[in-house]
C-alpha atoms as a PDB file:
ATOM      1  CA  MET A   1       0.098  -0.032  -0.004  1.00  0.00           C
ATOM      2  CA  ALA A   2       1.134   3.578  -0.395  1.00  0.00           C
ATOM      3  CA  GLU A   3       3.043   5.252   2.255  1.00  0.00           C
ATOM      4  CA  SER A   4       1.445   7.807   4.434  1.00  0.00           C
ATOM      5  CA  VAL A   5       2.481  11.291   4.444  1.00  0.00           C
ATOM      6  CA  ALA A   6       3.872  11.043   7.839  1.00  0.00           C
ATOM      7  CA  GLU A   7       5.915   7.888   6.958  1.00  0.00           C
ATOM      8  CA  ARG A   8       7.306   9.957   3.858  1.00  0.00           C
ATOM      9  CA  ALA A   9       8.250  13.013   5.915  1.00  0.00           C
ATOM     10  CA  ALA A  10      10.160  10.721   8.566  1.00  0.00           C
ATOM     11  CA  LYS A  11      12.592   9.205   5.768  1.00  0.00           C
ATOM     12  CA  LEU A  12      13.577  12.699   5.125  1.00  0.00           C
ATOM     13  CA  GLN A  13      16.750  14.367   6.363  1.00  0.00           C
ATOM     14  CA  LEU A  14      17.788  18.206   6.886  1.00  0.00           C
ATOM     15  CA  ASP A  15      20.115  19.459   4.149  1.00  0.00           C
ATOM     16  CA  LYS A  16      22.126  21.700   6.382  1.00  0.00           C
ATOM     17  CA  GLU A  17      23.253  23.921   3.471  1.00  0.00           C
ATOM     18  CA  THR A  18      20.012  24.873   2.178  1.00  0.00           C
ATOM     19  CA  GLY A  19      17.589  23.927   5.256  1.00  0.00           C
ATOM     20  CA  GLU A  20      15.428  21.746   3.114  1.00  0.00           C
ATOM     21  CA  MET A  21      14.261  18.273   4.092  1.00  0.00           C
ATOM     22  CA  VAL A  22      15.244  15.852   1.236  1.00  0.00           C
ATOM     23  CA  SER A  23      15.678  12.298   1.019  1.00  0.00           C
ATOM     24  CA  LYS A  24      19.134  10.152   1.626  1.00  0.00           C
ATOM     25  CA  ASN A  25      19.847  10.008  -1.915  1.00  0.00           C
ATOM     26  CA  GLU A  26      19.372  13.364  -2.571  1.00  0.00           C
ATOM     27  CA  ILE A  27      21.470  14.424   0.375  1.00  0.00           C
ATOM     28  CA  LYS A  28      24.464  12.049  -1.158  1.00  0.00           C
ATOM     29  CA  ARG A  29      23.954  13.757  -4.498  1.00  0.00           C
ATOM     30  CA  ARG A  30      24.175  17.077  -3.161  1.00  0.00           C
ATOM     31  CA  ARG A  31      27.218  16.598  -0.987  1.00  0.00           C
ATOM     32  CA  GLN A  32      29.233  14.922  -3.778  1.00  0.00           C
ATOM     33  CA  LYS A  33      28.263  17.861  -6.283  1.00  0.00           C
ATOM     34  CA  ARG A  34      29.342  20.292  -3.409  1.00  0.00           C
ATOM     35  CA  ASP A  35      32.625  18.384  -2.769  1.00  0.00           C
ATOM     36  CA  LYS A  36      33.474  18.307  -6.831  1.00  0.00           C
ATOM     37  CA  LYS A  37      32.898  22.176  -6.667  1.00  0.00           C
ATOM     38  CA  ILE A  38      35.374  22.661  -3.653  1.00  0.00           C
ATOM     39  CA  ALA A  39      37.825  20.417  -5.410  1.00  0.00           C
ATOM     40  CA  ALA A  40      37.617  22.235  -8.590  1.00  0.00           C
ATOM     41  CA  ALA A  41      37.750  25.525  -7.091  1.00  0.00           C
ATOM     42  CA  SER A  42      40.967  24.506  -5.013  1.00  0.00           C
ATOM     43  CA  ARG A  43      42.702  23.147  -8.077  1.00  0.00           C
ATOM     44  CA  ASP A  44      42.055  26.483  -9.982  1.00  0.00           C
ATOM     45  CA  MET A  45      43.543  28.340  -6.929  1.00  0.00           C
ATOM     46  CA  THR A  46      46.593  26.328  -7.226  1.00  0.00           C
ATOM     47  CA  THR A  47      46.975  26.580 -10.772  1.00  0.00           C
ATOM     48  CA  VAL A  48      46.369  30.354 -10.705  1.00  0.00           C
ATOM     49  CA  SER A  49      48.925  31.119  -8.096  1.00  0.00           C
ATOM     50  CA  THR A  50      51.872  28.712  -9.505  1.00  0.00           C
ATOM     51  CA  SER A  51      51.366  29.853 -13.160  1.00  0.00           C
ATOM     52  CA  LYS A  52      52.103  33.612 -12.484  1.00  0.00           C
ATOM     53  CA  ARG A  53      55.553  34.750 -13.637  1.00  0.00           C
ATOM     54  CA  PRO A  54      57.422  37.777 -12.809  1.00  0.00           C
ATOM     55  CA  ILE A  55      56.727  40.683 -14.780  1.00  0.00           C
ATOM     56  CA  ARG A  56      59.921  42.126 -16.354  1.00  0.00           C
ATOM     57  CA  ALA A  57      60.186  45.879 -16.831  1.00  0.00           C
ATOM     58  CA  SER A  58      61.065  46.396 -20.668  1.00  0.00           C
ATOM     59  CA  ARG A  59      64.068  48.680 -21.315  1.00  0.00           C
END
């Protein structure tokens, strides 16, 4: 039989970033997406900081 609204609501978990109540699978998917975004941002920061060369003054 179909689950009641109360049973479905009991299975939801709080997404601390957004404050929404979502399923476990949705929590996992969002965490993975956020982790990838953070990893990409940290990679970009390291490549930007190491790729800068000193500027030579022209004579």
